[in-house]
């Protein structure tokens, strides 16, 4: 859309953050130029001029505003990222406004190929997949608010109830009606997709037999969790093509059971469909062998992003056995007992209350203790937001996390892959990735970080799953 003077004036007076980068506002009386979202007091309309670029504003004799710092914004401004952020925000506000991926293309002002590339780069999804996911999320929120199944479906933009049911069940493991009924009892049953690898998922969650946070017995995973402040145990039992879930330790109600469902769906990664990745691998005999014997494999997720972040810091530059021991220390110090010898994962607030000496006295290095506690304190203080990160573009989240002391490229990529579910991440520098690439490609050396990046590039946009298959391949006989 071409921005008229009236459009720009309206957006400037509304402090429209989504217009940042689209035009520059000049204020003649003060001699400054600003972003449209500038929080400063607004001038009279007759004292405002608009410019396309900073250089135009400077040529008019204006200087950058000290409050909104437009030059700092433009140093990091990426027009492609801005387009994705703006369009994805529009979809989340009203997914029914967009009939299909072609509607997204029309609204974007760029071609289908370009928009697909931008969505892949910044969201790790195609426009169509993003729209489908946001429709399910919108319908889920409507159902939780008491909407009928049909109102939730059509309000989110689904054209038919059958399409809605299929999409909703694929993402959540429940029909819309079953989701709406959560809380009537302390149990629910999730449908597994065809080919789901329950054995691999149970092995992944049961790797630490001494864990205080979860336990695997046979076909059952038991996880300690907090539900709206109440300690509870989530039992997840695999039975053929279904998973029986029940909550013990707290009385069921709809909000708590929806939380329990969200945890179960994350732990099982129901939304992480590997079929597109597998089709890509099977198309070439050279790559098909990477998934041989492992079709259906999904990346195990953590119960929430904070749990993955803590595990990422704890696991840096130590062997797996020692990392589990350190995680147990934090669980023992700060986790809430939920019964049956298990604890709920410690909250950031609980970890923030520790002193460094509490951890260094229990085999933590001073530096690792600082990273754990300081990060928890930033989250508890609201300085580091994880609760909104799954709505951020991957590129924005990665840049933001890299600014956190103690998180380097390996840590951030691992966290984005397992904590946030992004599909195209590689924890570059990982020794397991290096060893697996050496075997898979029959190299005569271990590839270092730069070579790993290059060797993993052909697996885009599915590098997260490729990474997980490479790790799994280390257990294959040579």
Protein backbone atom coordinates (compact mmCIF):
# COMPACT_ATOMS: atom_id res chain seq x y z
CA UNK A 1 0.00 0.00 0.00
CA UNK A 2 1.29 3.47 -0.89
CA UNK A 3 1.43 5.59 2.23
CA UNK A 4 -0.28 8.95 1.82
CA UNK A 5 0.53 11.97 3.96
CA UNK A 6 -2.67 11.32 5.91
CA UNK A 7 -1.76 7.66 6.51
CA UNK A 8 1.69 8.61 7.79
CA UNK A 9 0.30 11.35 10.02
CA UNK A 10 -2.20 8.93 11.56
CA UNK A 11 0.46 6.31 12.20
CA UNK A 12 2.82 8.90 13.66
CA UNK A 13 0.20 10.19 16.10
CA UNK A 14 -0.72 6.60 17.02
CA UNK A 15 2.96 5.82 17.70
CA UNK A 16 2.60 2.83 15.39
CA UNK A 17 5.66 0.63 15.98
CA UNK A 18 4.90 -1.44 12.90
CA UNK A 19 5.49 1.65 10.75
CA UNK A 20 9.08 1.99 11.94
CA UNK A 21 11.29 1.61 8.89
CA UNK A 22 8.59 2.66 6.45
CA UNK A 23 9.15 6.40 6.77
CA UNK A 24 10.96 9.03 8.83
CA UNK A 25 9.14 11.82 10.66
CA UNK A 26 10.75 15.26 10.79
CA UNK A 27 9.78 17.88 13.38
CA UNK A 28 10.67 21.32 12.05
CA UNK A 29 10.27 23.24 15.30
CA UNK A 30 12.77 21.09 17.22
CA UNK A 31 14.99 20.23 14.26
CA UNK A 32 14.91 16.46 14.83
CA UNK A 33 13.81 13.38 12.94
CA UNK A 34 12.10 10.43 14.60
CA UNK A 35 10.66 6.98 14.14
CA UNK A 36 6.86 6.85 13.80
CA UNK A 37 6.72 5.11 17.21
CA UNK A 38 8.65 7.85 19.02
CA UNK A 39 7.21 8.26 22.56
CA UNK A 40 7.99 11.99 22.71
CA UNK A 41 5.19 14.55 22.83
CA UNK A 42 3.69 14.99 19.38
CA UNK A 43 4.07 18.32 17.54
CA UNK A 44 1.38 20.21 15.68
CA UNK A 45 0.65 18.74 12.23
CA UNK A 46 1.87 21.84 10.40
CA UNK A 47 5.32 21.33 11.93
CA UNK A 48 5.70 17.77 10.64
CA UNK A 49 7.40 16.60 7.43
CA UNK A 50 7.88 13.04 6.24
CA UNK A 51 10.96 11.55 4.59
CA UNK A 52 11.75 8.19 3.03
CA UNK A 53 15.27 7.94 4.41
CA UNK A 54 17.54 9.26 7.14
CA UNK A 55 19.77 10.96 4.56
CA UNK A 56 16.80 12.95 3.26
CA UNK A 57 16.02 14.11 6.80
CA UNK A 58 19.65 15.05 7.44
CA UNK A 59 19.79 16.94 4.14
CA UNK A 60 16.85 19.00 5.40
CA UNK A 61 19.00 20.06 8.36
CA UNK A 62 17.47 17.71 10.93
CA UNK A 63 19.32 15.64 13.54
CA UNK A 64 18.33 12.25 15.06
CA UNK A 65 16.01 12.19 18.07
CA UNK A 66 17.70 11.23 21.33
CA UNK A 67 14.62 9.43 22.64
CA UNK A 68 13.71 7.01 19.84
CA UNK A 69 17.25 6.90 18.35
CA UNK A 70 16.26 6.32 14.71
CA UNK A 71 19.87 5.80 13.59
CA UNK A 72 20.25 2.90 16.01
CA UNK A 73 17.08 1.37 14.60
CA UNK A 74 18.25 1.65 11.00
CA UNK A 75 21.64 0.16 11.81
CA UNK A 76 19.80 -3.09 12.55
CA UNK A 77 16.80 -2.61 10.28
CA UNK A 78 16.06 -5.48 7.93
CA UNK A 79 13.16 -4.72 5.56
CA UNK A 80 12.52 -8.43 4.94
CA UNK A 81 12.33 -9.15 8.66
CA UNK A 82 10.09 -6.12 9.16
CA UNK A 83 7.73 -7.41 6.48
CA UNK A 84 7.54 -10.83 8.16
CA UNK A 85 6.97 -9.28 11.60
CA UNK A 86 4.22 -7.01 10.31
CA UNK A 87 2.46 -9.68 8.29
CA UNK A 88 2.67 -12.33 11.02
CA UNK A 89 1.24 -9.84 13.54
CA UNK A 90 -1.67 -9.18 11.14
CA UNK A 91 -2.33 -12.92 10.88
CA UNK A 92 -2.32 -13.38 14.64
CA UNK A 93 -4.76 -10.51 15.11
CA UNK A 94 -7.21 -11.89 12.55
CA UNK A 95 -6.32 -15.18 10.84
CA UNK A 96 -9.74 -15.32 9.18
CA UNK A 97 -8.76 -12.28 7.13
CA UNK A 98 -6.39 -14.45 5.08
CA UNK A 99 -8.03 -17.19 3.04
CA UNK A 100 -4.81 -18.93 2.06
CA UNK A 101 -1.11 -18.44 1.33
CA UNK A 102 -1.99 -16.47 -1.80
CA UNK A 103 -3.75 -13.93 0.42
CA UNK A 104 -0.54 -13.53 2.41
CA UNK A 105 1.37 -12.95 -0.80
CA UNK A 106 -1.14 -10.34 -1.92
CA UNK A 107 -0.94 -8.53 1.43
CA UNK A 108 2.86 -8.61 1.48
CA UNK A 109 3.49 -6.71 -1.73
CA UNK A 110 6.21 -9.15 -2.80
CA UNK A 111 6.14 -12.28 -4.94
CA UNK A 112 5.33 -15.77 -3.71
CA UNK A 113 8.91 -17.00 -4.08
CA UNK A 114 10.29 -14.05 -2.14
CA UNK A 115 7.71 -14.35 0.64
CA UNK A 116 8.33 -18.07 0.97
CA UNK A 117 12.07 -17.42 1.31
CA UNK A 118 11.49 -14.72 3.93
CA UNK A 119 9.18 -16.93 5.99
CA UNK A 120 11.64 -19.81 5.78
CA UNK A 121 14.49 -17.56 6.88
CA UNK A 122 12.75 -15.80 9.76
CA UNK A 123 10.01 -18.20 10.93
CA UNK A 124 11.34 -21.56 9.68
CA UNK A 125 7.91 -22.20 8.15
CA UNK A 126 6.22 -21.75 4.81
CA UNK A 127 3.49 -19.08 4.70
CA UNK A 128 0.86 -21.82 4.39
CA UNK A 129 2.19 -23.74 7.40
CA UNK A 130 2.39 -20.55 9.46
CA UNK A 131 -1.20 -19.64 8.60
CA UNK A 132 -2.44 -23.13 9.51
CA UNK A 133 -0.62 -23.04 12.85
CA UNK A 134 -1.96 -19.61 13.77
CA UNK A 135 -5.50 -20.65 12.88
CA UNK A 136 -5.25 -23.60 15.26
CA UNK A 137 -3.82 -21.35 17.99
CA UNK A 138 -6.63 -18.84 17.48
CA UNK A 139 -9.28 -21.56 17.60
CA UNK A 140 -7.69 -23.09 20.70
CA UNK A 141 -7.89 -19.75 22.51
CA UNK A 142 -11.52 -19.33 21.45
CA UNK A 143 -12.43 -22.82 22.70
CA UNK A 144 -10.74 -22.08 26.03
CA UNK A 145 -12.90 -18.95 26.28
CA UNK A 146 -16.05 -21.03 25.83
CA UNK A 147 -16.72 -20.69 22.09
CA UNK A 148 -18.54 -23.49 20.32
CA UNK A 149 -16.57 -25.71 17.98
CA UNK A 150 -18.14 -24.17 14.88
CA UNK A 151 -17.66 -20.59 16.09
CA UNK A 152 -14.00 -21.31 16.91
CA UNK A 153 -13.44 -22.94 13.52
CA UNK A 154 -15.01 -20.28 11.33
CA UNK A 155 -13.75 -17.44 13.51
CA UNK A 156 -10.19 -18.66 12.89
CA UNK A 157 -10.73 -18.82 9.14
CA UNK A 158 -11.26 -22.53 8.52
CA UNK A 159 -13.53 -23.16 5.55
CA UNK A 160 -15.04 -26.38 6.86
CA UNK A 161 -15.38 -28.28 10.12
CA UNK A 162 -13.66 -31.33 8.64
CA UNK A 163 -10.57 -29.30 7.75
CA UNK A 164 -10.63 -27.73 11.20
CA UNK A 165 -10.83 -31.11 12.94
CA UNK A 166 -7.96 -32.54 10.90
CA UNK A 167 -5.66 -29.56 11.51
CA UNK A 168 -6.55 -29.25 15.18
CA UNK A 169 -6.03 -32.95 15.89
CA UNK A 170 -2.70 -33.01 14.06
CA UNK A 171 -1.36 -30.11 16.16
CA UNK A 172 -2.85 -31.05 19.54
CA UNK A 173 -3.64 -34.76 19.53
CA UNK A 174 -7.24 -33.94 20.50
CA UNK A 175 -10.42 -33.17 18.61
CA UNK A 176 -11.78 -29.67 19.23
CA UNK A 177 -14.58 -31.16 21.31
CA UNK A 178 -12.11 -33.11 23.46
CA UNK A 179 -10.04 -29.98 24.00
CA UNK A 180 -13.14 -28.03 24.98
CA UNK A 181 -13.99 -30.72 27.56
CA UNK A 182 -10.59 -30.66 29.30
CA UNK A 183 -11.01 -30.32 33.05
CA UNK A 184 -14.07 -32.49 33.44
CA UNK A 185 -11.75 -35.24 34.72
CA UNK A 186 -8.06 -35.57 35.51
CA UNK A 187 -7.36 -37.49 32.28
CA UNK A 188 -7.27 -37.10 28.50
CA UNK A 189 -6.10 -39.25 25.59
CA UNK A 190 -3.90 -37.98 22.77
CA UNK A 191 -3.99 -39.48 19.29
CA UNK A 192 -0.55 -40.19 17.84
CA UNK A 193 0.15 -39.62 14.15
CA UNK A 194 1.00 -42.62 11.94
CA UNK A 195 4.60 -43.75 12.29
CA UNK A 196 5.19 -42.00 15.61
CA UNK A 197 8.37 -43.35 17.29
CA UNK A 198 7.24 -43.84 20.88
CA UNK A 199 10.30 -45.94 21.68
CA UNK A 200 12.70 -43.16 20.71
CA UNK A 201 10.72 -40.55 22.63
CA UNK A 202 10.69 -42.65 25.80
CA UNK A 203 14.44 -43.27 25.53
CA UNK A 204 15.09 -39.55 25.12
CA UNK A 205 13.05 -38.57 28.18
CA UNK A 206 14.41 -41.44 30.25
CA UNK A 207 18.13 -40.98 29.60
CA UNK A 208 18.81 -39.94 33.19
CA UNK A 209 17.60 -42.81 35.41
CA UNK A 210 18.42 -40.80 38.56
CA UNK A 211 16.44 -37.72 37.49
CA UNK A 212 14.29 -35.97 40.10
CA UNK A 213 12.24 -34.28 37.38
CA UNK A 214 10.95 -37.16 35.26
CA UNK A 215 10.97 -40.94 35.23
CA UNK A 216 10.33 -43.58 32.58
CA UNK A 217 8.98 -47.02 33.50
CA UNK A 218 8.27 -49.27 30.55
CA UNK A 219 5.81 -47.40 28.33
CA UNK A 220 5.10 -44.61 30.83
CA UNK A 221 6.73 -41.23 31.34
CA UNK A 222 5.99 -39.43 34.63
CA UNK A 223 6.88 -35.74 34.78
CA UNK A 224 6.78 -33.42 37.78
CA UNK A 225 5.06 -30.15 36.86
CA UNK A 226 3.47 -27.06 38.37
CA UNK A 227 -0.08 -26.27 37.28
CA UNK A 228 -1.15 -22.74 38.20
CA UNK A 229 1.00 -22.92 41.33
CA UNK A 230 -0.09 -26.44 42.28
CA UNK A 231 2.46 -29.29 42.25
CA UNK A 232 1.36 -32.27 40.18
CA UNK A 233 2.55 -35.40 38.39
CA UNK A 234 1.77 -35.84 34.72
CA UNK A 235 1.57 -39.50 33.67
CA UNK A 236 2.01 -40.11 29.94
CA UNK A 237 1.40 -43.74 28.95
CA UNK A 238 1.87 -44.98 25.39
CA UNK A 239 -0.68 -47.52 24.17
CA UNK A 240 -0.52 -48.29 20.46
CA UNK A 241 -1.53 -45.24 18.45
CA UNK A 242 -2.69 -43.27 21.50
CA UNK A 243 -1.25 -41.79 24.68
CA UNK A 244 -3.24 -41.88 27.91
CA UNK A 245 -2.47 -38.84 30.06
CA UNK A 246 -3.56 -38.24 33.63
CA UNK A 247 -2.74 -35.68 36.29
CA UNK A 248 -2.22 -36.66 39.92
CA UNK A 249 -1.60 -34.52 42.97
CA UNK A 250 -4.03 -31.69 42.28
CA UNK A 251 -7.73 -31.32 41.60
CA UNK A 252 -8.57 -31.01 37.89
CA UNK A 253 -10.09 -27.87 36.47
CA UNK A 254 -10.14 -26.56 32.87
CA UNK A 255 -7.18 -24.12 33.14
CA UNK A 256 -4.92 -26.68 34.83
CA UNK A 257 -5.84 -29.48 32.47
CA UNK A 258 -5.21 -27.23 29.47
CA UNK A 259 -1.77 -26.52 30.95
CA UNK A 260 -1.17 -30.24 31.42
CA UNK A 261 -2.23 -30.88 27.84
CA UNK A 262 0.16 -28.20 26.58
CA UNK A 263 3.04 -29.81 28.49
CA UNK A 264 2.21 -33.29 27.17
CA UNK A 265 1.93 -32.04 23.59
CA UNK A 266 5.31 -30.29 23.90
CA UNK A 267 7.08 -33.26 25.49
CA UNK A 268 5.85 -35.49 22.65
CA UNK A 269 6.42 -32.77 20.02
CA UNK A 270 3.08 -33.45 18.36
CA UNK A 271 3.49 -30.32 16.24
CA UNK A 272 6.91 -31.41 14.95
CA UNK A 273 5.77 -33.36 11.90
CA UNK A 274 8.87 -34.85 10.20
CA UNK A 275 7.14 -35.93 6.96
CA UNK A 276 8.33 -33.02 4.77
CA UNK A 277 11.92 -33.53 5.95
CA UNK A 278 11.69 -37.26 5.27
CA UNK A 279 10.32 -36.71 1.76
CA UNK A 280 13.26 -34.41 1.05
CA UNK A 281 15.76 -36.98 2.34
CA UNK A 282 14.15 -39.87 0.46
CA UNK A 283 14.34 -38.00 -2.85
CA UNK A 284 18.11 -38.54 -2.97
CA UNK A 285 19.76 -41.91 -2.25
CA UNK A 286 22.74 -40.06 -0.78
CA UNK A 287 20.59 -38.49 1.94
CA UNK A 288 18.02 -41.26 2.33
CA UNK A 289 20.48 -43.31 4.37
CA UNK A 290 20.52 -40.61 7.07
CA UNK A 291 16.95 -41.50 8.07
CA UNK A 292 17.13 -45.22 7.33
CA UNK A 293 15.62 -47.07 10.27
CA UNK A 294 14.62 -43.81 11.95
CA UNK A 295 11.60 -42.60 9.97
CA UNK A 296 9.08 -40.94 12.23
CA UNK A 297 11.76 -39.63 14.61
CA UNK A 298 10.84 -36.35 16.30
CA UNK A 299 12.94 -33.98 18.38
CA UNK A 300 11.96 -34.33 22.07
CA UNK A 301 10.93 -30.98 23.51
CA UNK A 302 11.16 -29.75 27.08
CA UNK A 303 8.12 -28.85 29.17
CA UNK A 304 8.86 -25.16 28.62
CA UNK A 305 11.61 -22.92 27.28
CA UNK A 306 13.03 -22.11 30.73
CA UNK A 307 13.62 -25.80 31.44
CA UNK A 308 15.57 -26.08 28.19
CA UNK A 309 17.52 -22.89 28.90
CA UNK A 310 18.63 -24.15 32.31
CA UNK A 311 19.61 -27.52 30.83
CA UNK A 312 21.53 -25.77 28.04
CA UNK A 313 23.62 -23.75 30.50
CA UNK A 314 24.17 -26.71 32.82
CA UNK A 315 25.25 -28.91 29.91
CA UNK A 316 27.80 -26.53 28.42
CA UNK A 317 31.28 -28.05 28.02
CA UNK A 318 30.72 -31.00 30.38
CA UNK A 319 29.92 -34.64 29.73
CA UNK A 320 26.33 -35.85 29.87
CA UNK A 321 26.65 -37.69 33.18
CA UNK A 322 28.03 -34.63 34.96
CA UNK A 323 25.39 -32.40 33.34
CA UNK A 324 22.65 -34.64 34.74
CA UNK A 325 24.26 -34.45 38.18
CA UNK A 326 24.30 -30.64 38.05
CA UNK A 327 20.68 -30.52 36.93
CA UNK A 328 19.77 -32.74 39.89
CA UNK A 329 21.52 -30.29 42.23
CA UNK A 330 19.29 -27.43 41.04
CA UNK A 331 16.17 -29.61 41.17
CA UNK A 332 16.98 -30.70 44.71
CA UNK A 333 17.66 -27.13 45.89
CA UNK A 334 14.73 -25.37 44.21
CA UNK A 335 12.26 -27.86 42.79
CA UNK A 336 8.92 -28.36 44.52
CA UNK A 337 8.25 -31.99 45.57
CA UNK A 338 5.25 -33.44 43.75
CA UNK A 339 5.20 -36.88 45.35
CA UNK A 340 6.53 -40.29 44.35
CA UNK A 341 10.10 -39.01 44.70
CA UNK A 342 9.77 -36.43 41.92
CA UNK A 343 10.07 -32.64 41.84
CA UNK A 344 8.59 -30.04 39.56
CA UNK A 345 11.23 -28.21 37.57
CA UNK A 346 12.47 -25.16 39.51
CA UNK A 347 10.98 -21.83 38.47
CA UNK A 348 13.22 -18.90 37.48
CA UNK A 349 12.10 -17.13 40.65
CA UNK A 350 13.25 -20.04 42.82
CA UNK A 351 16.65 -20.24 41.12
CA UNK A 352 17.00 -16.45 41.28
CA UNK A 353 16.85 -16.72 45.07
CA UNK A 354 20.03 -18.80 45.22
CA UNK A 355 23.48 -17.44 45.95
CA UNK A 356 26.46 -18.44 43.83
CA UNK A 357 27.92 -20.32 46.77
CA UNK A 358 24.85 -22.56 46.94
CA UNK A 359 25.92 -24.02 43.60
CA UNK A 360 29.72 -23.81 43.83
CA UNK A 361 29.51 -25.84 47.04
CA UNK A 362 27.85 -28.56 44.95
CA UNK A 363 30.38 -28.94 42.10
CA UNK A 364 29.28 -26.02 39.92
CA UNK A 365 32.08 -23.86 38.58
CA UNK A 366 31.85 -20.23 39.65
CA UNK A 367 31.21 -19.15 36.06
CA UNK A 368 28.44 -21.71 35.48
CA UNK A 369 26.81 -20.76 38.80
CA UNK A 370 26.80 -17.12 37.70
CA UNK A 371 25.28 -17.96 34.32
CA UNK A 372 22.48 -20.03 35.88
CA UNK A 373 21.56 -17.61 38.66
CA UNK A 374 22.05 -14.37 36.72
CA UNK A 375 19.90 -15.64 33.84
CA UNK A 376 17.18 -16.71 36.27
CA UNK A 377 17.29 -13.27 37.90
CA UNK A 378 16.89 -11.55 34.54
CA UNK A 379 13.85 -13.70 33.74
CA UNK A 380 12.33 -13.17 37.20
CA UNK A 381 12.81 -9.40 36.85
CA UNK A 382 11.13 -9.36 33.43
CA UNK A 383 14.33 -8.33 31.66
CA UNK A 384 14.53 -11.54 29.62
CA UNK A 385 11.18 -12.65 28.24
CA UNK A 386 10.78 -16.28 27.26
CA UNK A 387 6.99 -16.37 27.36
CA UNK A 388 6.69 -14.32 24.15
CA UNK A 389 9.64 -15.86 22.33
CA UNK A 390 7.62 -18.46 20.43
CA UNK A 391 5.89 -15.57 18.65
CA UNK A 392 9.18 -13.96 17.63
CA UNK A 393 10.96 -14.59 14.34
CA UNK A 394 13.86 -16.99 14.77
CA UNK A 395 16.34 -14.36 13.61
CA UNK A 396 15.11 -11.85 16.21
CA UNK A 397 15.12 -14.42 19.00
CA UNK A 398 18.60 -15.63 18.12
CA UNK A 399 20.00 -12.10 18.19
CA UNK A 400 18.29 -11.37 21.50
CA UNK A 401 19.50 -14.57 23.16
CA UNK A 402 23.07 -14.04 21.98
CA UNK A 403 23.12 -10.86 24.08
CA UNK A 404 22.62 -12.94 27.26
CA UNK A 405 25.83 -13.53 29.17
CA UNK A 406 26.69 -17.21 29.07
CA UNK A 407 24.82 -18.01 25.84
CA UNK A 408 26.98 -18.49 22.76
CA UNK A 409 25.99 -19.69 19.27
CA UNK A 410 25.94 -23.38 20.28
CA UNK A 411 23.72 -22.72 23.30
CA UNK A 412 21.31 -20.45 21.45
CA UNK A 413 20.85 -22.80 18.49
CA UNK A 414 20.30 -25.78 20.79
CA UNK A 415 17.78 -23.79 22.83
CA UNK A 416 15.92 -22.66 19.71
CA UNK A 417 15.75 -26.24 18.46
CA UNK A 418 14.58 -28.01 21.64
CA UNK A 419 13.12 -25.18 23.70
CA UNK A 420 11.25 -23.29 21.00
CA UNK A 421 10.82 -25.87 18.24
CA UNK A 422 12.39 -23.96 15.36
CA UNK A 423 12.96 -26.24 12.40
CA UNK A 424 16.17 -24.96 10.84
CA UNK A 425 18.80 -24.74 13.59
CA UNK A 426 22.21 -26.37 13.99
CA UNK A 427 24.20 -26.03 17.24
CA UNK A 428 27.40 -25.28 15.36
CA UNK A 429 30.54 -26.37 17.18
CA UNK A 430 28.80 -29.39 18.71
CA UNK A 431 31.20 -32.31 19.07
CA UNK A 432 28.42 -34.81 18.34
CA UNK A 433 27.52 -33.08 15.08
CA UNK A 434 31.20 -33.06 14.12
CA UNK A 435 31.61 -36.77 14.87
CA UNK A 436 28.39 -37.70 13.07
CA UNK A 437 29.27 -35.69 9.96
CA UNK A 438 32.66 -37.39 9.88
CA UNK A 439 30.98 -40.80 9.81
CA UNK A 440 28.08 -39.87 7.54
CA UNK A 441 30.24 -38.17 4.90
CA UNK A 442 33.22 -40.50 5.41
CA UNK A 443 35.57 -37.60 6.07
CA UNK A 444 39.19 -38.06 7.05
CA UNK A 445 38.94 -35.32 9.69
CA UNK A 446 36.56 -33.80 12.22
CA UNK A 447 34.96 -30.68 10.69
CA UNK A 448 35.36 -27.51 12.74
CA UNK A 449 32.60 -24.93 13.20
CA UNK A 450 32.89 -23.14 9.84
CA UNK A 451 32.97 -26.41 7.91
CA UNK A 452 30.04 -27.78 9.93
CA UNK A 453 28.00 -24.74 8.91
CA UNK A 454 28.79 -25.36 5.23
CA UNK A 455 28.16 -29.11 5.40
CA UNK A 456 24.77 -28.64 7.08
CA UNK A 457 23.57 -26.01 4.62
CA UNK A 458 22.16 -28.54 2.11
CA UNK A 459 19.77 -29.81 4.82
CA UNK A 460 18.00 -26.42 5.04
CA UNK A 461 15.20 -25.74 5.86
CA UNK A 462 15.16 -28.86 8.05
CA UNK A 463 18.52 -28.61 9.78
CA UNK A 464 17.09 -29.21 13.26
CA UNK A 465 15.80 -32.67 12.31
CA UNK A 466 18.95 -33.38 10.32
CA UNK A 467 20.98 -32.55 13.43
CA UNK A 468 18.89 -34.87 15.58
CA UNK A 469 19.24 -37.71 13.06
CA UNK A 470 22.99 -37.15 12.97
CA UNK A 471 23.15 -37.41 16.75
CA UNK A 472 21.05 -40.57 16.63
CA UNK A 473 23.31 -42.05 13.93
CA UNK A 474 26.20 -42.14 16.40
CA UNK A 475 24.50 -45.16 17.92
CA UNK A 476 24.46 -47.04 14.61
CA UNK A 477 26.95 -49.89 14.16
CA UNK A 478 29.94 -48.91 12.05
